[in-house]
C-alpha atoms as a PDB file:
ATOM      1  CA  MET A   1       0.000   0.000   0.000  1.00  0.00           C
ATOM      2  CA  PHE A   2       1.581   3.266  -1.129  1.00  0.00           C
ATOM      3  CA  TYR A   3       0.583   6.644   0.240  1.00  0.00           C
ATOM      4  CA  LEU A   4       2.274   9.886   1.178  1.00  0.00           C
ATOM      5  CA  VAL A   5       2.168  10.773   4.858  1.00  0.00           C
ATOM      6  CA  LYS A   6       2.781  14.452   4.107  1.00  0.00           C
ATOM      7  CA  THR A   7       1.306  16.067   1.003  1.00  0.00           C
ATOM      8  CA  PRO A   8       4.137  17.585  -1.095  1.00  0.00           C
ATOM      9  CA  SER A   9       3.934  21.283  -1.980  1.00  0.00           C
ATOM     10  CA  TRP A  10       3.937  20.497  -5.708  1.00  0.00           C
ATOM     11  CA  VAL A  11       0.730  18.481  -5.342  1.00  0.00           C
ATOM     12  CA  LYS A  12      -0.958  21.423  -3.615  1.00  0.00           C
ATOM     13  CA  LYS A  13       0.115  23.713  -6.463  1.00  0.00           C
ATOM     14  CA  ILE A  14      -1.223  21.380  -9.166  1.00  0.00           C
ATOM     15  CA  PHE A  15      -4.621  21.098  -7.467  1.00  0.00           C
ATOM     16  CA  PRO A  16      -5.241  24.507  -5.842  1.00  0.00           C
ATOM     17  CA  GLN A  17      -9.043  24.127  -5.875  1.00  0.00           C
ATOM     18  CA  ARG A  18      -8.732  21.446  -3.199  1.00  0.00           C
ATOM     19  CA  LEU A  19      -8.124  22.527   0.375  1.00  0.00           C
ATOM     20  CA  TRP A  20      -4.893  21.010   1.677  1.00  0.00           C
ATOM     21  CA  GLU A  21      -4.178  23.189   4.706  1.00  0.00           C
ATOM     22  CA  VAL A  22      -5.504  26.298   6.434  1.00  0.00           C
ATOM     23  CA  ASP A  23      -3.739  29.645   6.194  1.00  0.00           C
ATOM     24  CA  THR A  24      -3.636  30.748   9.809  1.00  0.00           C
ATOM     25  CA  ASN A  25      -1.441  32.915  11.998  1.00  0.00           C
ATOM     26  CA  ARG A  26      -2.535  31.069  15.119  1.00  0.00           C
ATOM     27  CA  LYS A  27      -1.125  27.926  16.702  1.00  0.00           C
ATOM     28  CA  GLU A  28      -3.995  25.717  15.625  1.00  0.00           C
ATOM     29  CA  ILE A  29      -4.318  22.276  14.096  1.00  0.00           C
ATOM     30  CA  PHE A  30      -7.280  20.851  12.223  1.00  0.00           C
ATOM     31  CA  LEU A  31      -7.896  17.222  13.166  1.00  0.00           C
ATOM     32  CA  SER A  32     -10.294  15.290  10.964  1.00  0.00           C
ATOM     33  CA  PHE A  33     -11.865  11.859  11.233  1.00  0.00           C
ATOM     34  CA  ASP A  34     -13.111   9.872   8.237  1.00  0.00           C
ATOM     35  CA  ASP A  35     -15.560   6.982   7.752  1.00  0.00           C
ATOM     36  CA  GLY A  36     -17.765   7.377  10.825  1.00  0.00           C
ATOM     37  CA  PRO A  37     -19.851   7.715  12.714  1.00  0.00           C
ATOM     38  CA  HIS A  38     -19.146   4.485  14.555  1.00  0.00           C
ATOM     39  CA  PRO A  39     -21.018   3.830  17.836  1.00  0.00           C
ATOM     40  CA  SER A  40     -17.853   2.867  19.713  1.00  0.00           C
ATOM     41  CA  HIS A  41     -14.861   4.484  18.021  1.00  0.00           C
ATOM     42  CA  THR A  42     -16.464   7.857  17.313  1.00  0.00           C
ATOM     43  CA  ASN A  43     -17.562   8.148  20.928  1.00  0.00           C
ATOM     44  CA  PHE A  44     -14.007   7.324  21.999  1.00  0.00           C
ATOM     45  CA  VAL A  45     -12.768  10.174  19.809  1.00  0.00           C
ATOM     46  CA  LEU A  46     -15.353  12.570  21.220  1.00  0.00           C
ATOM     47  CA  ASP A  47     -14.416  11.638  24.783  1.00  0.00           C
ATOM     48  CA  GLU A  48     -10.723  12.260  24.085  1.00  0.00           C
ATOM     49  CA  LEU A  49     -11.372  15.577  22.344  1.00  0.00           C
ATOM     50  CA  LYS A  50     -13.477  16.773  25.271  1.00  0.00           C
ATOM     51  CA  LYS A  51     -10.554  16.311  27.682  1.00  0.00           C
ATOM     52  CA  TYR A  52      -8.692  19.099  25.869  1.00  0.00           C
ATOM     53  CA  ASN A  53     -11.677  21.205  24.800  1.00  0.00           C
ATOM     54  CA  ALA A  54     -10.583  20.244  21.291  1.00  0.00           C
ATOM     55  CA  LYS A  55     -12.785  20.610  18.238  1.00  0.00           C
ATOM     56  CA  ALA A  56     -12.458  18.604  15.032  1.00  0.00           C
ATOM     57  CA  THR A  57     -14.136  17.784  11.730  1.00  0.00           C
ATOM     58  CA  PHE A  58     -15.864  14.473  11.048  1.00  0.00           C
ATOM     59  CA  PHE A  59     -16.229  13.438   7.404  1.00  0.00           C
ATOM     60  CA  CYS A  60     -19.160  11.070   7.651  1.00  0.00           C
ATOM     61  CA  ILE A  61     -20.534   8.343   5.419  1.00  0.00           C
ATOM     62  CA  GLY A  62     -24.257   8.869   4.869  1.00  0.00           C
ATOM     63  CA  LYS A  63     -25.099   5.217   5.459  1.00  0.00           C
ATOM     64  CA  ASN A  64     -23.282   5.296   8.793  1.00  0.00           C
ATOM     65  CA  VAL A  65     -25.133   8.437   9.833  1.00  0.00           C
ATOM     66  CA  MET A  66     -28.410   6.593   9.222  1.00  0.00           C
ATOM     67  CA  GLU A  67     -27.234   3.704  11.394  1.00  0.00           C
ATOM     68  CA  SER A  68     -25.664   5.775  14.196  1.00  0.00           C
ATOM     69  CA  GLN A  69     -27.854   8.848  14.454  1.00  0.00           C
ATOM     70  CA  GLU A  70     -27.319   9.271  18.188  1.00  0.00           C
ATOM     71  CA  THR A  71     -23.548   9.406  17.747  1.00  0.00           C
ATOM     72  CA  TYR A  72     -23.887  11.791  14.808  1.00  0.00           C
ATOM     73  CA  SER A  73     -26.059  14.088  16.908  1.00  0.00           C
ATOM     74  CA  ARG A  74     -23.432  14.082  19.644  1.00  0.00           C
ATOM     75  CA  ILE A  75     -20.775  15.240  17.153  1.00  0.00           C
ATOM     76  CA  ILE A  76     -22.842  18.287  16.289  1.00  0.00           C
ATOM     77  CA  GLU A  77     -24.047  19.004  19.824  1.00  0.00           C
ATOM     78  CA  GLU A  78     -20.458  19.132  21.085  1.00  0.00           C
ATOM     79  CA  GLY A  79     -19.480  21.811  18.575  1.00  0.00           C
ATOM     80  CA  HIS A  80     -17.597  19.840  15.968  1.00  0.00           C
ATOM     81  CA  ALA A  81     -17.862  20.279  12.209  1.00  0.00           C
ATOM     82  CA  VAL A  82     -19.128  17.591   9.855  1.00  0.00           C
ATOM     83  CA  GLY A  83     -18.448  16.893   6.198  1.00  0.00           C
ATOM     84  CA  ASN A  84     -19.823  14.705   3.420  1.00  0.00           C
ATOM     85  CA  HIS A  85     -17.822  11.537   2.658  1.00  0.00           C
ATOM     86  CA  THR A  86     -20.354  10.072   0.165  1.00  0.00           C
ATOM     87  CA  HIS A  87     -23.210   7.783   1.149  1.00  0.00           C
ATOM     88  CA  ASN A  88     -21.459   4.457   0.475  1.00  0.00           C
ATOM     89  CA  HIS A  89     -17.727   5.293   0.627  1.00  0.00           C
ATOM     90  CA  LEU A  90     -17.380   5.295  -3.151  1.00  0.00           C
ATOM     91  CA  ASN A  91     -14.106   5.365  -5.048  1.00  0.00           C
ATOM     92  CA  ALA A  92     -14.483   8.078  -7.697  1.00  0.00           C
ATOM     93  CA  TRP A  93     -12.033   6.291  -9.972  1.00  0.00           C
ATOM     94  CA  LYS A  94     -14.235   3.184 -10.115  1.00  0.00           C
ATOM     95  CA  VAL A  95     -17.712   4.628 -10.755  1.00  0.00           C
ATOM     96  CA  SER A  96     -19.137   7.090 -13.250  1.00  0.00           C
ATOM     97  CA  ASN A  97     -19.101  10.796 -12.440  1.00  0.00           C
ATOM     98  CA  GLN A  98     -22.888  10.796 -12.444  1.00  0.00           C
ATOM     99  CA  ASN A  99     -23.168   7.907  -9.985  1.00  0.00           C
ATOM    100  CA  TYR A 100     -20.616   9.569  -7.739  1.00  0.00           C
ATOM    101  CA  LEU A 101     -22.453  12.889  -7.682  1.00  0.00           C
ATOM    102  CA  GLU A 102     -25.754  11.147  -7.016  1.00  0.00           C
ATOM    103  CA  ASN A 103     -24.212   9.294  -4.076  1.00  0.00           C
ATOM    104  CA  ILE A 104     -22.986  12.571  -2.614  1.00  0.00           C
ATOM    105  CA  SER A 105     -26.470  14.016  -3.011  1.00  0.00           C
ATOM    106  CA  VAL A 106     -27.977  11.110  -1.093  1.00  0.00           C
ATOM    107  CA  ALA A 107     -25.481  11.652   1.724  1.00  0.00           C
ATOM    108  CA  SER A 108     -26.280  15.374   1.778  1.00  0.00           C
ATOM    109  CA  THR A 109     -29.839  14.581   2.858  1.00  0.00           C
ATOM    110  CA  TYR A 110     -28.351  13.330   6.149  1.00  0.00           C
ATOM    111  CA  ILE A 111     -25.246  15.534   6.384  1.00  0.00           C
ATOM    112  CA  ASP A 112     -25.749  19.305   6.361  1.00  0.00           C
ATOM    113  CA  SER A 113     -22.343  20.614   5.364  1.00  0.00           C
ATOM    114  CA  ARG A 114     -20.455  22.504   2.677  1.00  0.00           C
ATOM    115  CA  LEU A 115     -17.389  20.325   3.210  1.00  0.00           C
ATOM    116  CA  PHE A 116     -16.627  17.229   1.160  1.00  0.00           C
ATOM    117  CA  ARG A 117     -13.752  14.768   1.314  1.00  0.00           C
ATOM    118  CA  PRO A 118     -13.431  12.031  -1.322  1.00  0.00           C
ATOM    119  CA  PRO A 119     -12.981   8.502   0.055  1.00  0.00           C
ATOM    120  CA  TYR A 120      -9.422   7.241  -0.544  1.00  0.00           C
ATOM    121  CA  GLY A 121      -8.565  10.810  -1.588  1.00  0.00           C
ATOM    122  CA  LYS A 122      -9.505   9.805  -5.122  1.00  0.00           C
ATOM    123  CA  ILE A 123     -11.353  12.331  -7.248  1.00  0.00           C
ATOM    124  CA  ASN A 124     -10.925  14.090 -10.591  1.00  0.00           C
ATOM    125  CA  SER A 125     -10.863  17.764 -11.535  1.00  0.00           C
ATOM    126  CA  PHE A 126     -14.246  17.587 -13.265  1.00  0.00           C
ATOM    127  CA  LEU A 127     -15.888  16.408 -10.054  1.00  0.00           C
ATOM    128  CA  VAL A 128     -14.126  19.049  -7.959  1.00  0.00           C
ATOM    129  CA  LYS A 129     -15.431  21.730 -10.326  1.00  0.00           C
ATOM    130  CA  GLN A 130     -18.951  20.291 -10.312  1.00  0.00           C
ATOM    131  CA  LEU A 131     -19.024  20.097  -6.534  1.00  0.00           C
ATOM    132  CA  ALA A 132     -17.935  23.737  -6.239  1.00  0.00           C
ATOM    133  CA  ALA A 133     -20.773  24.886  -8.527  1.00  0.00           C
ATOM    134  CA  PRO A 134     -24.000  26.301  -7.009  1.00  0.00           C
ATOM    135  CA  ALA A 135     -25.866  23.009  -7.481  1.00  0.00           C
ATOM    136  CA  TYR A 136     -23.679  21.379  -4.806  1.00  0.00           C
ATOM    137  CA  ASN A 137     -21.766  24.274  -3.225  1.00  0.00           C
ATOM    138  CA  LEU A 138     -19.179  21.952  -1.684  1.00  0.00           C
ATOM    139  CA  GLN A 139     -15.537  22.644  -0.886  1.00  0.00           C
ATOM    140  CA  THR A 140     -13.338  19.616  -1.555  1.00  0.00           C
ATOM    141  CA  VAL A 141     -11.086  19.076   1.460  1.00  0.00           C
ATOM    142  CA  MET A 142      -7.952  16.953   1.299  1.00  0.00           C
ATOM    143  CA  TRP A 143      -5.208  16.929   3.950  1.00  0.00           C
ATOM    144  CA  THR A 144      -1.721  17.945   4.969  1.00  0.00           C
ATOM    145  CA  VAL A 145      -0.871  14.859   7.027  1.00  0.00           C
ATOM    146  CA  LEU A 146      -2.169  11.301   6.751  1.00  0.00           C
ATOM    147  CA  SER A 147      -1.719   9.391  10.002  1.00  0.00           C
ATOM    148  CA  GLY A 148      -1.735   5.970   8.345  1.00  0.00           C
ATOM    149  CA  ASP A 149      -3.992   4.563  11.068  1.00  0.00           C
ATOM    150  CA  PHE A 150      -5.660   2.398   8.405  1.00  0.00           C
ATOM    151  CA  ASP A 151      -2.357   0.704   7.494  1.00  0.00           C
ATOM    152  CA  ASN A 152      -1.919  -2.661   9.243  1.00  0.00           C
ATOM    153  CA  LYS A 153       1.697  -2.829   8.083  1.00  0.00           C
ATOM    154  CA  ILE A 154       2.904  -0.009  10.305  1.00  0.00           C
ATOM    155  CA  SER A 155       3.197   0.022  14.091  1.00  0.00           C
ATOM    156  CA  ASN A 156       1.074   2.056  16.450  1.00  0.00           C
ATOM    157  CA  GLN A 157       4.135   4.148  17.282  1.00  0.00           C
ATOM    158  CA  ARG A 158       4.856   4.814  13.605  1.00  0.00           C
ATOM    159  CA  CYS A 159       1.300   6.070  13.177  1.00  0.00           C
ATOM    160  CA  LEU A 160       1.833   8.486  16.055  1.00  0.00           C
ATOM    161  CA  GLU A 161       5.175   9.649  14.674  1.00  0.00           C
ATOM    162  CA  ASN A 162       3.613  10.287  11.272  1.00  0.00           C
ATOM    163  CA  VAL A 163       1.451  12.907  12.946  1.00  0.00           C
ATOM    164  CA  LEU A 164       3.906  14.381  15.455  1.00  0.00           C
ATOM    165  CA  PHE A 165       6.773  14.795  12.984  1.00  0.00           C
ATOM    166  CA  HIS A 166       4.809  16.363  10.128  1.00  0.00           C
ATOM    167  CA  THR A 167       2.083  18.481  11.730  1.00  0.00           C
ATOM    168  CA  LYS A 168       2.422  22.247  12.095  1.00  0.00           C
ATOM    169  CA  ALA A 169       0.104  25.241  12.456  1.00  0.00           C
ATOM    170  CA  GLY A 170      -2.595  25.079   9.796  1.00  0.00           C
ATOM    171  CA  SER A 171      -2.179  21.363   9.118  1.00  0.00           C
ATOM    172  CA  ILE A 172      -5.236  19.267   8.309  1.00  0.00           C
ATOM    173  CA  VAL A 173      -4.610  15.835   9.841  1.00  0.00           C
ATOM    174  CA  VAL A 174      -6.509  12.654   8.957  1.00  0.00           C
ATOM    175  CA  PHE A 175      -7.489   9.873  11.342  1.00  0.00           C
ATOM    176  CA  HIS A 176     -10.287   7.327  10.859  1.00  0.00           C
ATOM    177  CA  ASP A 177     -13.013   6.560  13.407  1.00  0.00           C
ATOM    178  CA  SER A 178     -13.528   3.101  11.920  1.00  0.00           C
ATOM    179  CA  GLU A 179     -13.092  -0.520  12.960  1.00  0.00           C
ATOM    180  CA  LYS A 180     -10.102  -0.991  10.658  1.00  0.00           C
ATOM    181  CA  ALA A 181      -8.191   1.912  12.176  1.00  0.00           C
ATOM    182  CA  ALA A 182      -9.344   1.474  15.772  1.00  0.00           C
ATOM    183  CA  GLU A 183      -6.165   0.080  17.325  1.00  0.00           C
ATOM    184  CA  LYS A 184      -3.877   2.792  15.972  1.00  0.00           C
ATOM    185  CA  LEU A 185      -6.456   5.516  16.498  1.00  0.00           C
ATOM    186  CA  ARG A 186      -6.837   4.620  20.170  1.00  0.00           C
ATOM    187  CA  TYR A 187      -3.059   4.617  20.603  1.00  0.00           C
ATOM    188  CA  ALA A 188      -2.147   7.731  18.641  1.00  0.00           C
ATOM    189  CA  LEU A 189      -4.978  10.184  19.240  1.00  0.00           C
ATOM    190  CA  PRO A 190      -4.607  10.646  23.023  1.00  0.00           C
ATOM    191  CA  LYS A 191      -0.848  11.127  22.638  1.00  0.00           C
ATOM    192  CA  THR A 192      -1.331  13.557  19.746  1.00  0.00           C
ATOM    193  CA  LEU A 193      -3.737  15.675  21.768  1.00  0.00           C
ATOM    194  CA  LYS A 194      -1.451  15.693  24.811  1.00  0.00           C
ATOM    195  CA  TYR A 195       1.679  16.527  22.793  1.00  0.00           C
ATOM    196  CA  PHE A 196       0.276  19.497  20.901  1.00  0.00           C
ATOM    197  CA  ASN A 197      -1.721  20.769  23.868  1.00  0.00           C
ATOM    198  CA  GLU A 198       1.481  20.962  25.897  1.00  0.00           C
ATOM    199  CA  LYS A 199       3.059  22.943  23.055  1.00  0.00           C
ATOM    200  CA  GLY A 200       0.283  25.520  23.210  1.00  0.00           C
ATOM    201  CA  PHE A 201      -1.711  24.490  20.144  1.00  0.00           C
ATOM    202  CA  GLN A 202      -5.479  24.572  19.918  1.00  0.00           C
ATOM    203  CA  PHE A 203      -7.551  22.146  17.882  1.00  0.00           C
ATOM    204  CA  SER A 204     -10.070  23.777  15.566  1.00  0.00           C
ATOM    205  CA  PRO A 205     -12.890  22.559  13.313  1.00  0.00           C
ATOM    206  CA  LEU A 206     -13.108  23.326   9.609  1.00  0.00           C
ATOM    207  CA  PHE A 207     -15.941  25.763   9.010  1.00  0.00           C
ATOM    208  CA  ILE A 208     -16.378  27.474   5.642  1.00  0.00           C
ATOM    209  CA  PRO A 209     -16.340  31.044   7.070  1.00  0.00           C
ATOM    210  CA  ALA A 210     -12.992  30.252   8.688  1.00  0.00           C
ATOM    211  CA  LEU A 211     -11.482  29.229   5.364  1.00  0.00           C
END
């Protein structure tokens, strides 16, 4: 499995319509969690965030929102941001553009947000442009740092180091509140929060007005 832990600057320049990081003059980090909500793992994340008065962004799968509505409601009630992650975790490179857009529309009936993150990070420029148009009015959000919590070939400590070594002010960091990533998530997230809190960082959600 090949992936880049830190998004290179040349990638950001090639695809400027996608949000890779936040331009900020404050010591703030933007944690994000993909693939939830999950009744156990998402609540673990919320409990950990609360310890530090930390806010984050949850890119949710529509189907999971339907199945875990209580957890989804807690995300919103506790002041976090949410984003659309399609209804069925579709890979844009494996379905037609039309099917992909329709799946996003289905998810949007459950997820009220102007933020969108493509599953697997896979999308094309046509879709990004379509999503930005008034019919969808969605900002495509990527990331600065990928924790690798989904990768069963790396250690829990390596997952943590991926985040600690590459994150700076304005970074958008990806974790997953999913069964597959649970072990590494539960190891790395508490340590990430403690480390950056002690260094004076705050953890902020992604809201369109702030971008």
